[in-house]
């Protein structure tokens, strides 16, 4: 990237519009037939669009590094994820409308299943219903004591997810996750990464033990995993940095939270891709940058459900004509990271990206998938540089130098 100060001097205000579609975790690896889900899916609209677009592969953080969703999205939005470390708890909290103060420490948590021997047998408690989540959070809020002068508030999310806000003096970020990351492994408690985080570590671990005590008779949700523990950072908005008026069209709290953090307005009450597309049409005249998030490609990848991942890809492809009918000046279809179904988790593999606009170096490609993106004119590049490309294609950057 050229650097924030220099970039701001190049920004040109225009009426051109950019639509960035993020198919979360869509990148994958080939099966025994040599096909990824993106290649196997029936995607006539994306394949046709690819013939008139620039294709490539993005590296979310760095070569060989597996990213979380937070840093991977920050890259797509034009921020260096190595300079801006943001706990996922902060993003989840913002996403459900919690305003964080300087005394707050936020964490993302999952209800999970623990055996009597302390082994985590299900990291998502069978993906309990959102209604069951709300019931359990109510119980925890009623019975959770003050922990060494720190108050605790639990907010339900979707399915097995919830947010915890610790409020008190002397709380700092810099903790690792209290999550073994795999089933069949012993439960894990957080540890401080710096001496200043020792109190926070002690409080979080005490919280987990209190949850286990309160929920000891509840199955499958008899414990919790706590991740992304941190405090709210100070970060430039997309309006200040890129001169954009951006809108986020997403359904999951974490992604709405990240959008708010970088200064986007956020559409609320959306639950599926059809509703998101209707919202894009409704708000198209009011903004010049649209972040459209497709979540379920990632969810089914994490579940190891390749057929359903393919189904979501096909569902989105059917909506492409509706998006193109709006005539955005630039349409980008990308991924924040790869989530191979066979791995049931995020991976380090570069992610496919497509940019469609007026002035294209199209190259010799046959469709939109990982193999074709490898042949594309964009090559392989860091995701944090994608925003500059989109701004250029939209005519929003002046020439640098004489």
Protein backbone atom coordinates (compact mmCIF):
# COMPACT_ATOMS: atom_id res chain seq x y z
CA UNK A 1 0.00 0.00 0.00
CA UNK A 2 1.11 3.54 -0.69
CA UNK A 3 0.54 4.71 2.90
CA UNK A 4 -2.41 6.54 4.45
CA UNK A 5 -1.04 10.09 4.17
CA UNK A 6 -0.10 9.79 0.50
CA UNK A 7 -3.29 7.92 -0.36
CA UNK A 8 -5.52 10.63 1.13
CA UNK A 9 -3.92 13.19 -1.20
CA UNK A 10 -4.86 11.08 -4.23
CA UNK A 11 -8.52 10.56 -3.35
CA UNK A 12 -10.96 12.00 -5.87
CA UNK A 13 -14.66 12.38 -5.03
CA UNK A 14 -16.85 10.88 -7.75
CA UNK A 15 -20.36 9.48 -8.14
CA UNK A 16 -19.03 6.08 -9.22
CA UNK A 17 -20.18 3.08 -7.21
CA UNK A 18 -18.29 0.02 -5.99
CA UNK A 19 -19.94 -3.25 -4.91
CA UNK A 20 -17.64 -5.60 -3.00
CA UNK A 21 -19.12 -9.08 -2.54
CA UNK A 22 -17.30 -11.18 0.04
CA UNK A 23 -18.11 -14.89 -0.28
CA UNK A 24 -16.79 -15.80 3.13
CA UNK A 25 -14.39 -18.74 3.10
CA UNK A 26 -15.33 -19.72 -0.46
CA UNK A 27 -11.76 -20.73 -1.35
CA UNK A 28 -11.15 -24.47 -1.07
CA UNK A 29 -8.94 -27.34 -2.23
CA UNK A 30 -9.52 -29.88 -4.99
CA UNK A 31 -11.28 -33.20 -4.46
CA UNK A 32 -10.28 -36.49 -6.10
CA UNK A 33 -11.80 -35.21 -9.36
CA UNK A 34 -9.57 -32.14 -9.26
CA UNK A 35 -12.48 -29.80 -8.49
CA UNK A 36 -13.02 -27.26 -5.72
CA UNK A 37 -16.60 -26.45 -4.65
CA UNK A 38 -16.38 -23.22 -6.66
CA UNK A 39 -15.34 -25.19 -9.74
CA UNK A 40 -17.93 -27.93 -9.22
CA UNK A 41 -20.84 -25.55 -8.59
CA UNK A 42 -23.12 -24.54 -11.46
CA UNK A 43 -22.25 -20.85 -11.76
CA UNK A 44 -23.12 -19.65 -15.28
CA UNK A 45 -23.36 -16.00 -14.22
CA UNK A 46 -20.02 -15.77 -12.44
CA UNK A 47 -18.35 -17.80 -15.19
CA UNK A 48 -19.68 -15.45 -17.86
CA UNK A 49 -18.65 -12.42 -15.79
CA UNK A 50 -15.14 -13.85 -15.43
CA UNK A 51 -14.61 -13.69 -19.20
CA UNK A 52 -15.04 -9.91 -19.02
CA UNK A 53 -13.15 -9.35 -15.77
CA UNK A 54 -9.72 -9.39 -14.15
CA UNK A 55 -9.05 -12.44 -11.97
CA UNK A 56 -6.43 -13.25 -9.38
CA UNK A 57 -5.71 -14.68 -5.95
CA UNK A 58 -5.36 -12.67 -2.74
CA UNK A 59 -3.18 -13.38 0.30
CA UNK A 60 -5.14 -12.22 3.37
CA UNK A 61 -2.25 -11.60 5.80
CA UNK A 62 0.98 -13.17 4.60
CA UNK A 63 2.25 -16.24 2.77
CA UNK A 64 1.35 -19.42 4.64
CA UNK A 65 -0.50 -17.60 7.43
CA UNK A 66 -4.02 -18.77 8.28
CA UNK A 67 -6.14 -15.68 9.10
CA UNK A 68 -9.11 -15.10 11.33
CA UNK A 69 -12.16 -13.41 9.85
CA UNK A 70 -11.34 -10.07 11.46
CA UNK A 71 -7.88 -9.51 9.98
CA UNK A 72 -8.94 -11.08 6.68
CA UNK A 73 -11.79 -8.58 6.32
CA UNK A 74 -9.64 -5.66 7.43
CA UNK A 75 -7.32 -6.49 4.54
CA UNK A 76 -10.18 -6.42 2.05
CA UNK A 77 -11.25 -3.03 3.39
CA UNK A 78 -7.75 -1.63 2.75
CA UNK A 79 -6.20 -1.83 6.22
CA UNK A 80 -2.96 -3.60 7.11
CA UNK A 81 -4.05 -6.41 9.46
CA UNK A 82 -0.58 -6.61 11.00
CA UNK A 83 -0.83 -2.97 12.10
CA UNK A 84 -4.43 -3.13 13.32
CA UNK A 85 -4.97 -6.08 15.66
CA UNK A 86 -8.61 -6.21 16.71
CA UNK A 87 -10.10 -8.83 19.00
CA UNK A 88 -13.08 -10.58 17.52
CA UNK A 89 -14.96 -9.93 20.73
CA UNK A 90 -14.87 -6.21 19.96
CA UNK A 91 -16.30 -6.85 16.50
CA UNK A 92 -19.06 -9.09 17.81
CA UNK A 93 -19.95 -6.53 20.48
CA UNK A 94 -20.18 -3.67 18.01
CA UNK A 95 -22.17 -5.89 15.68
CA UNK A 96 -24.97 -6.34 18.21
CA UNK A 97 -25.02 -2.65 19.09
CA UNK A 98 -22.90 -2.54 22.26
CA UNK A 99 -21.00 0.71 22.78
CA UNK A 100 -17.65 -0.06 24.42
CA UNK A 101 -15.98 2.20 26.96
CA UNK A 102 -12.31 2.36 27.95
CA UNK A 103 -13.03 0.12 30.96
CA UNK A 104 -14.54 -2.66 28.84
CA UNK A 105 -12.88 -5.86 27.70
CA UNK A 106 -14.88 -7.72 25.06
CA UNK A 107 -14.76 -11.40 24.15
CA UNK A 108 -16.49 -13.68 21.71
CA UNK A 109 -17.65 -16.98 23.14
CA UNK A 110 -19.20 -20.28 22.09
CA UNK A 111 -21.35 -22.56 24.17
CA UNK A 112 -19.62 -25.94 24.05
CA UNK A 113 -19.82 -29.48 25.42
CA UNK A 114 -17.36 -30.68 28.07
CA UNK A 115 -16.98 -34.24 29.33
CA UNK A 116 -16.55 -34.92 33.09
CA UNK A 117 -12.86 -35.43 32.36
CA UNK A 118 -12.48 -31.90 30.98
CA UNK A 119 -12.38 -32.89 27.31
CA UNK A 120 -14.13 -30.66 24.76
CA UNK A 121 -16.37 -33.02 22.77
CA UNK A 122 -18.25 -30.35 20.76
CA UNK A 123 -16.95 -26.82 20.22
CA UNK A 124 -20.41 -25.54 19.21
CA UNK A 125 -22.70 -27.48 21.57
CA UNK A 126 -24.45 -29.04 18.60
CA UNK A 127 -25.19 -25.58 17.19
CA UNK A 128 -27.96 -25.05 19.70
CA UNK A 129 -30.86 -22.84 18.64
CA UNK A 130 -30.75 -19.09 19.12
CA UNK A 131 -33.73 -19.45 21.49
CA UNK A 132 -31.79 -21.91 23.67
CA UNK A 133 -28.81 -19.56 23.57
CA UNK A 134 -31.01 -16.72 24.86
CA UNK A 135 -32.32 -18.90 27.70
CA UNK A 136 -28.81 -19.88 28.80
CA UNK A 137 -27.51 -16.31 28.62
CA UNK A 138 -30.40 -15.17 30.83
CA UNK A 139 -29.46 -17.79 33.42
CA UNK A 140 -25.80 -16.74 33.32
CA UNK A 141 -26.64 -13.05 33.70
CA UNK A 142 -28.84 -13.82 36.73
CA UNK A 143 -26.29 -16.03 38.49
CA UNK A 144 -22.89 -14.62 37.45
CA UNK A 145 -21.15 -12.95 40.43
CA UNK A 146 -18.90 -9.90 40.31
CA UNK A 147 -15.39 -11.23 39.71
CA UNK A 148 -12.72 -9.45 41.75
CA UNK A 149 -14.39 -6.08 41.25
CA UNK A 150 -15.17 -6.74 37.58
CA UNK A 151 -18.79 -6.89 36.45
CA UNK A 152 -19.77 -9.31 33.69
CA UNK A 153 -22.55 -9.00 31.13
CA UNK A 154 -23.47 -11.74 28.64
CA UNK A 155 -25.23 -10.98 25.34
CA UNK A 156 -26.73 -13.78 23.20
CA UNK A 157 -25.82 -14.05 19.53
CA UNK A 158 -26.91 -16.53 16.87
CA UNK A 159 -26.99 -20.27 17.55
CA UNK A 160 -24.10 -21.17 19.91
CA UNK A 161 -22.38 -17.78 19.90
CA UNK A 162 -22.49 -15.06 22.53
CA UNK A 163 -20.57 -11.97 23.62
CA UNK A 164 -19.09 -11.26 27.05
CA UNK A 165 -18.26 -7.76 28.30
CA UNK A 166 -16.00 -7.47 31.34
CA UNK A 167 -16.11 -4.00 32.92
CA UNK A 168 -13.64 -2.82 35.53
CA UNK A 169 -10.32 -1.13 36.21
CA UNK A 170 -6.97 -2.54 35.09
CA UNK A 171 -8.31 -4.69 32.27
CA UNK A 172 -6.05 -5.02 29.23
CA UNK A 173 -6.02 -7.00 26.00
CA UNK A 174 -3.17 -9.31 25.07
CA UNK A 175 -4.64 -12.72 25.92
CA UNK A 176 -4.59 -15.92 23.92
CA UNK A 177 -7.80 -17.85 23.25
CA UNK A 178 -9.35 -20.18 25.80
CA UNK A 179 -10.15 -22.72 23.11
CA UNK A 180 -8.31 -25.95 22.18
CA UNK A 181 -9.53 -25.40 18.57
CA UNK A 182 -10.26 -29.12 18.09
CA UNK A 183 -12.70 -31.60 19.59
CA UNK A 184 -11.26 -34.44 21.66
CA UNK A 185 -8.71 -32.20 23.34
CA UNK A 186 -8.58 -30.99 26.96
CA UNK A 187 -10.23 -27.68 27.75
CA UNK A 188 -7.90 -24.71 27.57
CA UNK A 189 -7.76 -21.59 29.68
CA UNK A 190 -6.42 -18.23 28.55
CA UNK A 191 -2.91 -17.02 29.33
CA UNK A 192 -1.57 -13.45 29.29
CA UNK A 193 0.76 -12.52 26.46
CA UNK A 194 2.05 -9.52 28.42
CA UNK A 195 2.39 -8.85 32.18
CA UNK A 196 -0.24 -6.09 31.96
CA UNK A 197 -2.86 -8.68 30.94
CA UNK A 198 -2.45 -10.92 33.99
CA UNK A 199 -5.55 -9.56 35.75
CA UNK A 200 -7.63 -9.95 32.60
CA UNK A 201 -6.44 -13.54 32.21
CA UNK A 202 -7.38 -14.37 35.78
CA UNK A 203 -10.85 -12.83 35.41
CA UNK A 204 -11.62 -14.59 32.11
CA UNK A 205 -10.58 -17.98 33.51
CA UNK A 206 -12.66 -17.38 36.63
CA UNK A 207 -15.60 -16.57 34.35
CA UNK A 208 -15.24 -19.88 32.48
CA UNK A 209 -15.23 -21.81 35.77
CA UNK A 210 -18.35 -19.96 36.92
CA UNK A 211 -20.09 -20.81 33.63
CA UNK A 212 -19.26 -24.49 34.15
CA UNK A 213 -20.60 -24.35 37.71
CA UNK A 214 -23.85 -22.62 36.68
CA UNK A 215 -24.46 -24.84 33.63
CA UNK A 216 -23.25 -28.15 35.10
CA UNK A 217 -26.63 -29.81 34.52
CA UNK A 218 -27.16 -28.37 31.04
CA UNK A 219 -26.40 -30.50 28.00
CA UNK A 220 -25.06 -30.09 25.41
CA UNK A 221 -24.12 -26.54 26.50
CA UNK A 222 -22.31 -27.09 29.80
CA UNK A 223 -19.23 -24.95 29.21
CA UNK A 224 -17.92 -22.18 26.97
CA UNK A 225 -14.91 -21.33 24.82
CA UNK A 226 -13.70 -17.73 24.94
CA UNK A 227 -11.84 -16.12 22.04
CA UNK A 228 -10.88 -12.80 20.49
CA UNK A 229 -10.44 -11.05 23.82
CA UNK A 230 -9.58 -7.37 23.47
CA UNK A 231 -10.36 -3.68 23.80
CA UNK A 232 -11.75 -1.31 21.18
CA UNK A 233 -8.98 0.26 19.03
CA UNK A 234 -8.69 3.66 17.37
CA UNK A 235 -8.82 3.29 13.58
CA UNK A 236 -9.42 5.67 10.65
CA UNK A 237 -12.80 5.43 8.95
CA UNK A 238 -13.23 4.49 5.29
CA UNK A 239 -14.72 7.94 4.78
CA UNK A 240 -11.59 9.67 6.09
CA UNK A 241 -9.17 7.29 4.41
CA UNK A 242 -10.81 6.67 1.03
CA UNK A 243 -13.42 9.41 0.70
CA UNK A 244 -16.18 6.79 0.53
CA UNK A 245 -19.73 6.69 1.84
CA UNK A 246 -19.96 2.96 2.62
CA UNK A 247 -22.82 0.63 3.55
CA UNK A 248 -22.51 -2.89 4.96
CA UNK A 249 -25.14 -5.43 3.91
CA UNK A 250 -24.49 -8.39 6.19
CA UNK A 251 -26.49 -10.64 8.50
CA UNK A 252 -23.98 -11.82 11.15
CA UNK A 253 -22.98 -9.60 14.11
CA UNK A 254 -19.21 -9.91 13.78
CA UNK A 255 -19.20 -8.58 10.21
CA UNK A 256 -21.56 -5.76 11.09
CA UNK A 257 -19.30 -4.91 14.02
CA UNK A 258 -16.20 -4.74 11.85
CA UNK A 259 -18.10 -2.57 9.38
CA UNK A 260 -19.07 -0.13 12.12
CA UNK A 261 -15.47 -0.03 13.35
CA UNK A 262 -14.26 1.24 9.95
CA UNK A 263 -17.09 3.77 9.67
CA UNK A 264 -19.67 1.99 7.53
CA UNK A 265 -23.39 2.43 7.95
CA UNK A 266 -24.96 -0.98 8.55
CA UNK A 267 -28.25 -2.40 7.31
CA UNK A 268 -30.16 -4.27 10.00
CA UNK A 269 -32.73 -7.06 10.05
CA UNK A 270 -31.37 -9.06 7.10
CA UNK A 271 -31.33 -12.86 7.31
CA UNK A 272 -30.69 -14.24 3.80
CA UNK A 273 -29.15 -13.41 0.44
CA UNK A 274 -32.46 -12.50 -1.18
CA UNK A 275 -33.14 -9.90 1.52
CA UNK A 276 -29.58 -8.60 1.19
CA UNK A 277 -30.01 -8.18 -2.58
CA UNK A 278 -33.28 -6.31 -2.10
CA UNK A 279 -31.51 -4.04 0.40
CA UNK A 280 -28.72 -3.38 -2.11
CA UNK A 281 -31.30 -2.29 -4.70
CA UNK A 282 -33.13 -0.12 -2.16
CA UNK A 283 -30.01 1.72 -0.96
CA UNK A 284 -28.06 1.85 -4.22
CA UNK A 285 -28.60 5.57 -4.80
CA UNK A 286 -27.62 6.52 -1.26
CA UNK A 287 -24.03 5.21 -1.03
CA UNK A 288 -20.97 4.77 -3.23
CA UNK A 289 -19.43 1.65 -1.61
CA UNK A 290 -21.34 -1.52 -0.73
CA UNK A 291 -19.98 -4.45 1.27
CA UNK A 292 -22.23 -7.46 0.56
CA UNK A 293 -21.41 -10.46 2.77
CA UNK A 294 -22.19 -14.11 1.98
CA UNK A 295 -21.73 -16.01 5.25
CA UNK A 296 -22.88 -19.58 4.68
CA UNK A 297 -20.04 -20.54 2.32
CA UNK A 298 -17.81 -20.30 5.39
CA UNK A 299 -20.26 -21.93 7.81
CA UNK A 300 -20.67 -25.04 5.67
CA UNK A 301 -16.91 -25.16 5.03
CA UNK A 302 -16.32 -25.21 8.78
CA UNK A 303 -18.93 -27.97 9.13
CA UNK A 304 -17.16 -30.02 6.45
CA UNK A 305 -20.37 -29.94 4.40
CA UNK A 306 -19.11 -29.64 0.82
CA UNK A 307 -22.52 -30.21 -0.88
CA UNK A 308 -24.14 -27.37 1.09
CA UNK A 309 -21.19 -25.08 0.42
CA UNK A 310 -21.73 -25.72 -3.30
CA UNK A 311 -25.47 -25.02 -2.88
CA UNK A 312 -24.80 -21.59 -1.31
CA UNK A 313 -22.39 -20.71 -4.13
CA UNK A 314 -25.12 -21.57 -6.65
CA UNK A 315 -27.73 -19.58 -4.72
CA UNK A 316 -25.52 -16.49 -4.85
CA UNK A 317 -24.71 -16.99 -8.53
CA UNK A 318 -28.42 -16.83 -9.35
CA UNK A 319 -28.51 -13.31 -7.86
CA UNK A 320 -25.68 -11.93 -10.02
CA UNK A 321 -28.05 -10.59 -12.75
CA UNK A 322 -29.91 -8.55 -10.10
CA UNK A 323 -26.64 -6.97 -8.95
CA UNK A 324 -25.44 -6.29 -12.52
CA UNK A 325 -28.80 -4.70 -13.37
CA UNK A 326 -27.86 -1.89 -10.96
CA UNK A 327 -24.86 -1.13 -13.21
CA UNK A 328 -22.20 -0.62 -10.54
CA UNK A 329 -19.07 1.00 -11.95
CA UNK A 330 -16.98 -1.70 -10.26
CA UNK A 331 -18.12 -5.12 -9.06
CA UNK A 332 -15.68 -7.19 -7.03
CA UNK A 333 -16.37 -10.79 -6.01
CA UNK A 334 -13.86 -11.97 -3.46
CA UNK A 335 -13.28 -14.03 -0.35
CA UNK A 336 -11.79 -13.02 2.97
CA UNK A 337 -9.98 -16.35 3.31
CA UNK A 338 -10.30 -20.00 2.32
CA UNK A 339 -12.27 -22.53 4.39
CA UNK A 340 -11.70 -25.96 2.81
CA UNK A 341 -14.54 -28.31 3.70
CA UNK A 342 -12.12 -31.20 4.09
CA UNK A 343 -10.19 -29.20 6.71
CA UNK A 344 -13.30 -27.93 8.54
CA UNK A 345 -11.61 -24.61 9.22
CA UNK A 346 -9.80 -21.61 7.83
CA UNK A 347 -6.63 -22.17 5.84
CA UNK A 348 -3.65 -20.31 4.37
CA UNK A 349 -4.62 -20.91 0.73
CA UNK A 350 -4.91 -17.71 -1.37
CA UNK A 351 -8.49 -16.64 -2.10
CA UNK A 352 -10.12 -16.15 -5.52
CA UNK A 353 -10.99 -12.60 -6.58
CA UNK A 354 -12.74 -11.06 -9.60
CA UNK A 355 -12.87 -7.37 -10.55
CA UNK A 356 -15.35 -6.22 -13.19
CA UNK A 357 -15.29 -2.69 -14.56
CA UNK A 358 -14.83 -0.63 -17.73
CA UNK A 359 -11.12 -1.05 -18.45
CA UNK A 360 -10.14 -4.69 -18.13
CA UNK A 361 -7.14 -6.88 -18.93
CA UNK A 362 -9.21 -10.00 -19.17
CA UNK A 363 -6.68 -12.75 -19.93
CA UNK A 364 -7.47 -16.26 -21.12
CA UNK A 365 -9.80 -17.68 -18.49
CA UNK A 366 -12.82 -19.97 -18.75
CA UNK A 367 -14.72 -19.20 -15.55
CA UNK A 368 -14.49 -18.15 -11.92
CA UNK A 369 -12.73 -20.64 -9.68
CA UNK A 370 -9.35 -21.09 -8.02
CA UNK A 371 -7.64 -22.68 -11.05
CA UNK A 372 -8.84 -19.97 -13.43
CA UNK A 373 -7.92 -17.23 -10.94
CA UNK A 374 -4.40 -18.65 -10.93
CA UNK A 375 -4.26 -17.83 -14.66
CA UNK A 376 -5.81 -14.37 -14.26
CA UNK A 377 -4.20 -11.04 -15.11
CA UNK A 378 -4.10 -9.88 -11.49
CA UNK A 379 -1.83 -12.71 -10.39
CA UNK A 380 -1.30 -13.20 -6.69
CA UNK A 381 -1.27 -10.12 -4.45
CA UNK A 382 -1.93 -9.01 -0.88
CA UNK A 383 -5.58 -8.47 -0.04
CA UNK A 384 -4.79 -5.14 1.64
CA UNK A 385 -3.99 -3.77 -1.86
CA UNK A 386 -7.37 -4.74 -3.32
CA UNK A 387 -9.07 -1.53 -2.18
CA UNK A 388 -6.58 0.60 -4.13
CA UNK A 389 -7.39 -1.39 -7.26
CA UNK A 390 -11.11 -0.89 -6.76
CA UNK A 391 -10.65 2.85 -6.19
CA UNK A 392 -8.59 3.10 -9.38
CA UNK A 393 -11.11 1.19 -11.47
CA UNK A 394 -13.83 3.46 -10.08
CA UNK A 395 -11.88 6.59 -11.07
CA UNK A 396 -11.46 7.64 -7.44
CA UNK A 397 -7.65 8.03 -7.43
CA UNK A 398 -5.67 10.86 -9.00
CA UNK A 399 -2.25 10.41 -10.62
CA UNK A 400 0.72 10.28 -8.27
CA UNK A 401 3.45 12.76 -9.12
CA UNK A 402 4.06 14.91 -12.20
